[in-house]
C-alpha atoms as a PDB file:
ATOM      1  CA  UNK A   1      -0.069   0.056  -0.011  1.00  0.00           C
ATOM      2  CA  UNK A   2       1.414   3.418  -1.056  1.00  0.00           C
ATOM      3  CA  UNK A   3       0.972   6.276   1.587  1.00  0.00           C
ATOM      4  CA  UNK A   4       0.133   9.732   0.253  1.00  0.00           C
ATOM      5  CA  UNK A   5       2.816  12.448   0.580  1.00  0.00           C
ATOM      6  CA  UNK A   6       1.948  16.125   0.932  1.00  0.00           C
ATOM      7  CA  UNK A   7       3.587  19.426   1.755  1.00  0.00           C
ATOM      8  CA  UNK A   8       2.421  22.790   3.268  1.00  0.00           C
ATOM      9  CA  UNK A   9       3.370  25.873   1.409  1.00  0.00           C
ATOM     10  CA  UNK A  10       2.808  29.748   2.075  1.00  0.00           C
ATOM     11  CA  UNK A  11       3.061  33.131   0.530  1.00  0.00           C
ATOM     12  CA  UNK A  12       2.494  36.606   1.930  1.00  0.00           C
ATOM     13  CA  UNK A  13      -0.617  38.155   1.067  1.00  0.00           C
ATOM     14  CA  UNK A  14       1.217  41.427   0.502  1.00  0.00           C
ATOM     15  CA  UNK A  15       2.694  39.984  -2.745  1.00  0.00           C
ATOM     16  CA  UNK A  16       0.705  40.134  -5.859  1.00  0.00           C
ATOM     17  CA  UNK A  17       0.578  36.410  -6.238  1.00  0.00           C
ATOM     18  CA  UNK A  18      -0.534  35.910  -2.558  1.00  0.00           C
ATOM     19  CA  UNK A  19      -3.244  38.573  -2.805  1.00  0.00           C
ATOM     20  CA  UNK A  20      -4.695  37.196  -6.156  1.00  0.00           C
ATOM     21  CA  UNK A  21      -4.744  33.537  -4.940  1.00  0.00           C
ATOM     22  CA  UNK A  22      -6.413  34.676  -1.630  1.00  0.00           C
ATOM     23  CA  UNK A  23      -9.070  36.539  -3.506  1.00  0.00           C
ATOM     24  CA  UNK A  24      -9.607  33.451  -5.720  1.00  0.00           C
ATOM     25  CA  UNK A  25      -9.963  31.036  -2.832  1.00  0.00           C
ATOM     26  CA  UNK A  26     -11.712  33.153  -0.113  1.00  0.00           C
ATOM     27  CA  UNK A  27     -13.256  35.996  -2.108  1.00  0.00           C
ATOM     28  CA  UNK A  28     -12.850  39.711  -1.982  1.00  0.00           C
ATOM     29  CA  UNK A  29     -14.949  40.215   1.132  1.00  0.00           C
ATOM     30  CA  UNK A  30     -12.598  38.120   3.278  1.00  0.00           C
ATOM     31  CA  UNK A  31      -9.301  39.659   1.768  1.00  0.00           C
ATOM     32  CA  UNK A  32     -10.646  43.251   1.952  1.00  0.00           C
ATOM     33  CA  UNK A  33     -11.368  42.811   5.879  1.00  0.00           C
ATOM     34  CA  UNK A  34      -7.738  41.901   6.556  1.00  0.00           C
ATOM     35  CA  UNK A  35      -5.668  44.646   8.159  1.00  0.00           C
ATOM     36  CA  UNK A  36      -2.948  46.600   6.019  1.00  0.00           C
ATOM     37  CA  UNK A  37       0.545  47.651   6.768  1.00  0.00           C
ATOM     38  CA  UNK A  38       0.611  51.412   7.874  1.00  0.00           C
ATOM     39  CA  UNK A  39       4.403  52.082   7.776  1.00  0.00           C
ATOM     40  CA  UNK A  40       7.486  51.012   5.866  1.00  0.00           C
ATOM     41  CA  UNK A  41       7.924  49.862   2.362  1.00  0.00           C
ATOM     42  CA  UNK A  42       4.768  47.551   2.533  1.00  0.00           C
ATOM     43  CA  UNK A  43       2.514  50.510   3.638  1.00  0.00           C
ATOM     44  CA  UNK A  44      -0.939  49.935   2.263  1.00  0.00           C
ATOM     45  CA  UNK A  45      -0.437  46.352   1.420  1.00  0.00           C
ATOM     46  CA  UNK A  46      -2.467  43.486   3.067  1.00  0.00           C
ATOM     47  CA  UNK A  47      -0.976  41.798   6.090  1.00  0.00           C
ATOM     48  CA  UNK A  48      -1.005  37.948   6.657  1.00  0.00           C
ATOM     49  CA  UNK A  49       0.047  34.702   5.026  1.00  0.00           C
ATOM     50  CA  UNK A  50      -1.844  32.420   2.702  1.00  0.00           C
ATOM     51  CA  UNK A  51      -1.029  28.816   3.466  1.00  0.00           C
ATOM     52  CA  UNK A  52      -2.101  25.526   1.799  1.00  0.00           C
ATOM     53  CA  UNK A  53      -1.463  21.654   2.094  1.00  0.00           C
ATOM     54  CA  UNK A  54      -1.262  20.090  -1.267  1.00  0.00           C
ATOM     55  CA  UNK A  55      -0.885  16.509  -2.102  1.00  0.00           C
ATOM     56  CA  UNK A  56       2.517  15.732  -3.926  1.00  0.00           C
ATOM     57  CA  UNK A  57       2.109  11.933  -4.384  1.00  0.00           C
ATOM     58  CA  UNK A  58      -1.127  10.116  -4.262  1.00  0.00           C
ATOM     59  CA  UNK A  59      -1.906   7.284  -2.065  1.00  0.00           C
ATOM     60  CA  UNK A  60      -3.583   6.120   1.194  1.00  0.00           C
ATOM     61  CA  UNK A  61      -4.115   8.486   4.086  1.00  0.00           C
ATOM     62  CA  UNK A  62      -5.106   6.973   7.569  1.00  0.00           C
ATOM     63  CA  UNK A  63      -7.665   9.088   9.290  1.00  0.00           C
ATOM     64  CA  UNK A  64      -8.355   7.078  12.472  1.00  0.00           C
ATOM     65  CA  UNK A  65      -6.359   4.380  14.234  1.00  0.00           C
ATOM     66  CA  UNK A  66      -7.342   0.830  14.017  1.00  0.00           C
ATOM     67  CA  UNK A  67      -9.262  -0.629  17.118  1.00  0.00           C
ATOM     68  CA  UNK A  68      -9.891  -4.114  18.191  1.00  0.00           C
ATOM     69  CA  UNK A  69     -13.313  -4.147  16.595  1.00  0.00           C
ATOM     70  CA  UNK A  70     -12.496  -2.232  13.313  1.00  0.00           C
ATOM     71  CA  UNK A  71     -10.027  -1.659  10.635  1.00  0.00           C
ATOM     72  CA  UNK A  72      -8.226   1.684  10.278  1.00  0.00           C
ATOM     73  CA  UNK A  73     -10.350   4.186   8.333  1.00  0.00           C
ATOM     74  CA  UNK A  74      -8.695   6.350   5.763  1.00  0.00           C
ATOM     75  CA  UNK A  75      -9.114   7.712   2.207  1.00  0.00           C
ATOM     76  CA  UNK A  76      -7.366   7.728  -1.202  1.00  0.00           C
ATOM     77  CA  UNK A  77      -5.622  11.075  -1.977  1.00  0.00           C
ATOM     78  CA  UNK A  78      -4.806  12.128  -5.561  1.00  0.00           C
ATOM     79  CA  UNK A  79      -1.782  14.361  -6.660  1.00  0.00           C
ATOM     80  CA  UNK A  80      -2.313  18.003  -6.876  1.00  0.00           C
ATOM     81  CA  UNK A  81      -5.324  17.752  -4.510  1.00  0.00           C
ATOM     82  CA  UNK A  82      -5.670  20.558  -1.804  1.00  0.00           C
ATOM     83  CA  UNK A  83      -6.334  19.158   1.572  1.00  0.00           C
ATOM     84  CA  UNK A  84      -6.492  22.590   3.482  1.00  0.00           C
ATOM     85  CA  UNK A  85      -6.238  26.370   2.524  1.00  0.00           C
ATOM     86  CA  UNK A  86      -6.121  29.015   5.248  1.00  0.00           C
ATOM     87  CA  UNK A  87      -5.133  32.473   5.823  1.00  0.00           C
ATOM     88  CA  UNK A  88      -3.378  33.546   9.082  1.00  0.00           C
ATOM     89  CA  UNK A  89      -2.234  36.474  10.673  1.00  0.00           C
ATOM     90  CA  UNK A  90       1.016  36.322  12.834  1.00  0.00           C
ATOM     91  CA  UNK A  91       0.655  37.388  16.470  1.00  0.00           C
ATOM     92  CA  UNK A  92       3.836  38.827  18.150  1.00  0.00           C
ATOM     93  CA  UNK A  93       4.868  36.224  20.820  1.00  0.00           C
ATOM     94  CA  UNK A  94       1.961  33.881  20.333  1.00  0.00           C
ATOM     95  CA  UNK A  95       0.136  31.456  18.140  1.00  0.00           C
ATOM     96  CA  UNK A  96      -0.951  32.882  14.637  1.00  0.00           C
ATOM     97  CA  UNK A  97      -4.713  33.787  14.313  1.00  0.00           C
ATOM     98  CA  UNK A  98      -6.584  31.811  11.676  1.00  0.00           C
ATOM     99  CA  UNK A  99      -8.714  34.140   9.770  1.00  0.00           C
ATOM    100  CA  UNK A 100     -10.300  31.840   7.179  1.00  0.00           C
ATOM    101  CA  UNK A 101      -9.932  28.121   6.857  1.00  0.00           C
ATOM    102  CA  UNK A 102     -11.133  25.492   4.101  1.00  0.00           C
ATOM    103  CA  UNK A 103     -10.794  21.871   4.405  1.00  0.00           C
ATOM    104  CA  UNK A 104     -11.385  19.737   1.342  1.00  0.00           C
END
C-alpha cells in the first residue's frame, strides 16, 4: 500500500501572487477585511499569510487508528489535490490567528 505524501506551502498576502490567490480561494470580502501595513515599504499592502497543504504523491491516508473491533479508516488522495487552505495573521509572541480556513 502506498502512503500519500503532501507538503504545506505559504506566500505573503502582501505579494501580488498571494493577494490574487487569496481572492480566488476566499473571495474579495474576506481579503478586504484583513488589516493593512501602515508604515514602511509595505505601507498599504495587506497583512497576513496564505497557506495551503497539497498532495504531492497520491496514495492512502489513514484518518483514524485501528481498534480491536474495526480496521483503520482512511481515504485515497490524488496528486495536486488541496487538503486545506487557510489565511493566518502572525501574533507577536503567540500563536498565529486563523482568519479563514477551508478543508477539502
